[in-house]
Amino acid sequence: MRLGRYRFAPPWWGWVIVCVGVAALSSLGVWQIDRGESKQAMLAQRQAAGKSPARDFASASPASQAAPPEYGVRYTLRGRLDAQHQVLFDNQVRNERIGYHVWTPLILADGRRVMIDRGWIPLGPGGRAKPPEPDAPAGVLTMTGMWRDLPEPGMRLGGDSACRQQGWPRVLNYPNIKQLRCQYDGPVVDGLLLLDEADPRGFARDWQAQFDQMPPIRHFGYALQWFAMAFAVVVIFVVLNVRRIR
């Protein structure tokens, strides 16, 4: 391409690298914006939910209803914890220590499973080679917490390999609802209940600290950085491939 006294003729592989890089950086920027907006909404709903009593989950979200539970709303659930089939949500950091968030399915009377985030536990003495086996109380229980979507990574790599894992508890890294449902025979509700911090049947929890450590404005700042990096890649690509015609 000729532009006056200059010629712009990058190689084909340069276009491929730039397009992939810009797409990846831009997707990370969009992801940070989505996280910031979601956190803003959750903070607002958390404040509103704290001023009203928790809703009964079975009544607010019956099995016959296709719509998911409302994000940021507090619910009360009644059922049995399935301690034999828990998920360890991997790569979770607390006080600069790596560990897991324990997701324990609670089986409702209608057979649905609701994943309960009971909090953080550290790596066991055996490290990743031997994941811990967190305990869970037996019997019919009533548990209360706030509803949220399943956490999403910045970029999701690979396919449905999580479905082919063996043994319990399952160590999963940002499973989507399809990967989560394939771990169980019965239906699994799309989402996650953050167990109330005052409930003694969980582990280390400080949900508010997660918002304080990473407020919405920081997500928007990170998004701006990713978009700036994508723009810089384009500028560098153009500068390196423009030649003056002599």
Foldseek 3Di string as FASTA:
>chain_A
DDDPQKDFDDDPVLVVVLVVLLVLLLLLLVVLLVVLVLLVVLVVLLVVQVVDDAAACCVQPPPVDPDADDANHKYKAKAWWPLQEKEWAFQDDDPNAGWTFIWIWGQHPVGETATERQGTDGADPVGPVDGDRDDFDGDMDMFMFGWHAQDDDSDDDDDLVLLVDDDPPRYDHRDALVSVQSSDDTHYGGTYGYTDPPDPRGDDDDPVVVCVVPPSVNSNVSSVVSNVVSVVSVVVSRVVRMDGHD
